[in-house]
Amino acid sequence: MGFAIAPLFVGRTFSPQSRTIALEMFGEIKAAFSGIGLHLVRSTNYGSEHRTFNLARLSGLDWLAGGETRRLIEEKIDRTTELFGYPDFIHNASELDRGFADFEVAEGEFLANQVRFHAFALRKNLRLLDGRPVDKSAWPVNFPPSTVNAFYMYSRNQILFPAGVLQPPLFSERQPMALNFGHIGTFMGHEVCFNKGQNIRTVVLSYF
């Protein structure tokens, strides 16, 4: 029910100005990481091999000498979808009503309501398999705006920062930007680098 009550939550805790500031912050952090990739470093300590990833400029990585691979990496970075705060449809009452038209809630039936909701969510997810192209601007159904977390969605190449995590003390339009960058900015940098993969072939296309 997170999306059904999202207009109330967002209206009280997350202004359009906050959304603009957060997106601008993310743009600056993403630009700072532009051209940076991962370099696999192997070392041996007491007979055991250790693998670590160090940040390095793409132009300085020998295993990315081929221009095509580097182009694909940069293309993936450019095509990342950034979802911040909330989806716009929550402010459209008619659209919200249509979205929940086949979901029923009964007073005093907590467990049954939970079962009905999960069946409702399953139907919504199954409808995504109708053969139409994936809408990468669509907000994931399992992460309403009140969610206190941030995500990189591998299958959609999306970075998601719900309004729930864009709250004080991590973020506020009223606090100094130095605090915002020091707090939520570290989360943004984490998500930018999150999709690292576990082997070098995966890492090639796992920057953003």
Protein backbone atom coordinates (compact mmCIF):
# COMPACT_ATOMS: atom_id res chain seq x y z
CA MET A 1 0.00 0.00 0.00
CA GLY A 2 3.04 2.26 -0.07
CA PHE A 3 2.03 3.92 -3.33
CA ALA A 4 -1.55 4.49 -2.15
CA ILE A 5 -0.38 6.57 0.83
CA ALA A 6 2.62 8.05 -0.99
CA PRO A 7 0.92 11.43 -1.70
CA LEU A 8 0.47 11.96 2.05
CA PHE A 9 4.05 10.96 2.88
CA VAL A 10 5.65 12.94 0.07
CA GLY A 11 3.45 15.99 0.70
CA ARG A 12 4.68 16.19 4.28
CA THR A 13 8.33 15.20 3.92
CA PHE A 14 9.68 15.78 0.40
CA SER A 15 9.14 18.92 -1.66
CA PRO A 16 9.72 19.27 -5.42
CA GLN A 17 12.71 21.48 -4.54
CA SER A 18 14.23 18.62 -2.54
CA ARG A 19 13.88 16.36 -5.56
CA THR A 20 15.61 18.92 -7.79
CA ILE A 21 18.49 19.35 -5.34
CA ALA A 22 18.96 15.59 -4.95
CA LEU A 23 19.04 15.07 -8.73
CA GLU A 24 21.56 17.88 -9.16
CA MET A 25 23.74 16.36 -6.45
CA PHE A 26 23.64 12.98 -8.12
CA GLY A 27 24.54 14.55 -11.45
CA GLU A 28 27.65 16.13 -9.92
CA ILE A 29 28.71 12.87 -8.26
CA LYS A 30 28.11 10.89 -11.44
CA ALA A 31 30.18 13.43 -13.41
CA ALA A 32 33.01 13.08 -10.88
CA PHE A 33 33.09 9.34 -11.60
CA SER A 34 33.01 9.84 -15.37
CA GLY A 35 35.75 7.87 -17.08
CA ILE A 36 36.57 5.89 -13.93
CA GLY A 37 36.53 2.10 -13.95
CA LEU A 38 37.79 -0.79 -11.87
CA HIS A 39 41.19 -2.41 -11.92
CA LEU A 40 41.51 -5.94 -10.56
CA VAL A 41 44.53 -6.34 -8.30
CA ARG A 42 45.71 -9.79 -7.22
CA SER A 43 48.00 -10.23 -4.25
CA THR A 44 49.23 -13.18 -2.19
CA ASN A 45 49.33 -13.10 1.59
CA TYR A 46 50.39 -16.14 3.61
CA GLY A 47 49.77 -18.39 0.65
CA SER A 48 46.24 -17.09 -0.07
CA GLU A 49 45.30 -15.05 -3.07
CA HIS A 50 43.39 -11.84 -2.47
CA ARG A 51 41.49 -9.85 -5.06
CA THR A 52 40.69 -6.18 -4.72
CA PHE A 53 39.30 -3.58 -7.09
CA ASN A 54 40.94 -0.19 -7.34
CA LEU A 55 39.47 2.81 -9.10
CA ALA A 56 41.34 3.85 -12.22
CA ARG A 57 40.79 5.92 -15.34
CA LEU A 58 39.36 3.87 -18.17
CA SER A 59 42.06 5.19 -20.46
CA GLY A 60 44.71 3.68 -18.17
CA LEU A 61 43.34 0.14 -18.01
CA ASP A 62 45.23 -2.26 -20.29
CA TRP A 63 42.35 -4.74 -20.46
CA LEU A 64 40.17 -1.97 -21.88
CA ALA A 65 42.52 -1.13 -24.69
CA GLY A 66 39.79 -1.96 -27.22
CA GLY A 67 37.73 1.08 -28.07
CA GLU A 68 34.50 -0.88 -28.52
CA THR A 69 34.44 -2.18 -24.93
CA ARG A 70 35.12 1.28 -23.55
CA ARG A 71 32.38 2.71 -25.75
CA LEU A 72 29.89 0.17 -24.42
CA ILE A 73 30.80 1.05 -20.83
CA GLU A 74 30.30 4.75 -21.45
CA GLU A 75 27.04 4.03 -23.27
CA LYS A 76 25.71 2.04 -20.31
CA ILE A 77 26.63 4.90 -17.97
CA ASP A 78 24.80 7.40 -20.16
CA ARG A 79 21.70 5.18 -20.36
CA THR A 80 21.30 4.69 -16.62
CA THR A 81 17.81 5.69 -15.48
CA GLU A 82 17.74 7.81 -12.31
CA LEU A 83 14.58 7.63 -10.19
CA PHE A 84 14.50 10.07 -7.28
CA GLY A 85 11.89 10.75 -4.63
CA TYR A 86 8.66 9.46 -6.13
CA PRO A 87 6.93 8.65 -9.42
CA ASP A 88 4.86 11.52 -10.81
CA PHE A 89 1.68 9.42 -11.02
CA ILE A 90 1.17 9.53 -7.24
CA HIS A 91 -0.11 13.10 -7.62
CA ASN A 92 -2.79 11.96 -10.07
CA ALA A 93 -5.73 10.66 -8.02
CA SER A 94 -7.45 9.10 -11.03
CA GLU A 95 -4.33 7.18 -12.00
CA LEU A 96 -3.87 5.98 -8.42
CA ASP A 97 -7.49 4.80 -8.34
CA ARG A 98 -7.02 2.87 -11.57
CA GLY A 99 -3.84 1.29 -10.24
CA PHE A 100 -5.64 -0.11 -7.18
CA ALA A 101 -9.00 -0.83 -8.85
CA ASP A 102 -8.69 -4.63 -8.45
CA PHE A 103 -7.41 -4.58 -4.86
CA GLU A 104 -9.84 -4.95 -1.97
CA VAL A 105 -9.24 -4.27 1.71
CA ALA A 106 -11.55 -5.57 4.44
CA GLU A 107 -11.58 -4.13 7.95
CA GLY A 108 -10.48 -6.59 10.61
CA GLU A 109 -8.86 -9.02 8.16
CA PHE A 110 -5.16 -8.26 8.50
CA LEU A 111 -3.83 -11.61 7.28
CA ALA A 112 -6.36 -11.88 4.46
CA ASN A 113 -5.51 -8.31 3.39
CA GLN A 114 -1.84 -9.27 3.23
CA VAL A 115 -2.63 -12.31 1.08
CA ARG A 116 -4.85 -10.23 -1.21
CA PHE A 117 -2.16 -7.58 -1.56
CA HIS A 118 0.54 -10.09 -2.54
CA ALA A 119 -1.81 -11.59 -5.11
CA PHE A 120 -2.52 -8.09 -6.39
CA ALA A 121 1.22 -7.30 -6.66
CA LEU A 122 1.82 -10.61 -8.45
CA ARG A 123 -0.86 -9.78 -11.02
CA LYS A 124 0.74 -6.39 -11.64
CA ASN A 125 4.15 -7.99 -12.16
CA LEU A 126 2.76 -10.68 -14.48
CA ARG A 127 1.15 -7.99 -16.62
CA LEU A 128 4.67 -6.72 -17.33
CA LEU A 129 5.25 -9.92 -19.32
CA ASP A 130 2.80 -8.97 -22.07
CA GLY A 131 5.49 -8.61 -24.73
CA ARG A 132 5.77 -4.83 -24.66
CA PRO A 133 9.23 -3.21 -24.35
CA VAL A 134 10.39 -2.69 -20.78
CA ASP A 135 9.60 0.80 -19.52
CA LYS A 136 12.83 1.68 -17.72
CA SER A 137 11.31 4.88 -16.39
CA ALA A 138 8.67 2.90 -14.47
CA TRP A 139 9.02 2.88 -10.69
CA PRO A 140 9.55 -0.68 -9.32
CA VAL A 141 6.34 -1.91 -7.69
CA ASN A 142 8.15 -3.26 -4.61
CA PHE A 143 9.80 0.05 -3.61
CA PRO A 144 7.28 2.78 -2.72
CA PRO A 145 8.47 6.35 -2.04
CA SER A 146 8.50 5.74 1.74
CA THR A 147 11.24 3.08 1.40
CA VAL A 148 14.30 3.92 3.54
CA ASN A 149 16.97 2.53 1.24
CA ALA A 150 18.61 3.13 -2.13
CA PHE A 151 19.12 0.64 -4.93
CA TYR A 152 20.89 -0.17 -8.15
CA MET A 153 18.52 -2.31 -10.25
CA TYR A 154 20.72 -4.62 -12.33
CA SER A 155 18.06 -5.84 -14.73
CA ARG A 156 16.88 -2.34 -15.64
CA ASN A 157 20.08 -0.32 -15.21
CA GLN A 158 18.23 1.97 -12.79
CA ILE A 159 19.41 3.87 -9.74
CA LEU A 160 16.62 4.45 -7.24
CA PHE A 161 16.57 6.91 -4.32
CA PRO A 162 13.08 6.96 -2.74
CA ALA A 163 11.93 9.96 -0.71
CA GLY A 164 12.12 7.80 2.42
CA VAL A 165 15.92 7.79 2.37
CA LEU A 166 16.21 11.43 1.27
CA GLN A 167 15.40 12.66 4.78
CA PRO A 168 17.34 14.33 7.65
CA PRO A 169 19.99 13.83 8.79
CA LEU A 170 21.07 12.22 5.49
CA PHE A 171 19.53 14.91 3.30
CA SER A 172 17.55 18.12 3.57
CA GLU A 173 17.05 21.13 1.33
CA ARG A 174 17.45 23.28 4.46
CA GLN A 175 20.84 22.01 5.60
CA PRO A 176 24.24 23.03 4.12
CA MET A 177 25.17 21.23 0.92
CA ALA A 178 28.42 20.10 2.53
CA LEU A 179 26.34 18.00 4.94
CA ASN A 180 24.19 16.64 2.12
CA PHE A 181 27.24 15.57 0.13
CA GLY A 182 28.88 14.12 3.24
CA HIS A 183 25.78 12.15 4.18
CA ILE A 184 23.54 11.08 1.28
CA GLY A 185 26.34 11.87 -1.17
CA THR A 186 28.25 8.84 0.10
CA PHE A 187 25.20 6.68 -0.60
CA MET A 188 25.03 8.11 -4.11
CA GLY A 189 28.69 7.32 -4.74
CA HIS A 190 28.12 3.82 -3.38
CA GLU A 191 25.25 3.16 -5.78
CA VAL A 192 27.23 4.59 -8.69
CA CYS A 193 29.94 2.00 -8.03
CA PHE A 194 27.70 -0.76 -6.71
CA ASN A 195 27.40 -3.01 -9.72
CA LYS A 196 31.00 -4.28 -9.72
CA GLY A 197 30.44 -7.98 -10.43
CA GLN A 198 32.58 -10.86 -9.19
CA ASN A 199 34.82 -11.47 -12.15
CA ILE A 200 36.55 -9.41 -14.78
CA ARG A 201 34.07 -10.22 -17.57
CA THR A 202 31.20 -9.04 -15.41
CA VAL A 203 33.10 -5.95 -14.30
CA VAL A 204 33.54 -4.76 -17.88
CA LEU A 205 29.90 -3.62 -18.05
CA SER A 206 29.31 -3.02 -14.34
CA TYR A 207 30.13 0.57 -13.54
CA PHE A 208 26.79 2.33 -13.19
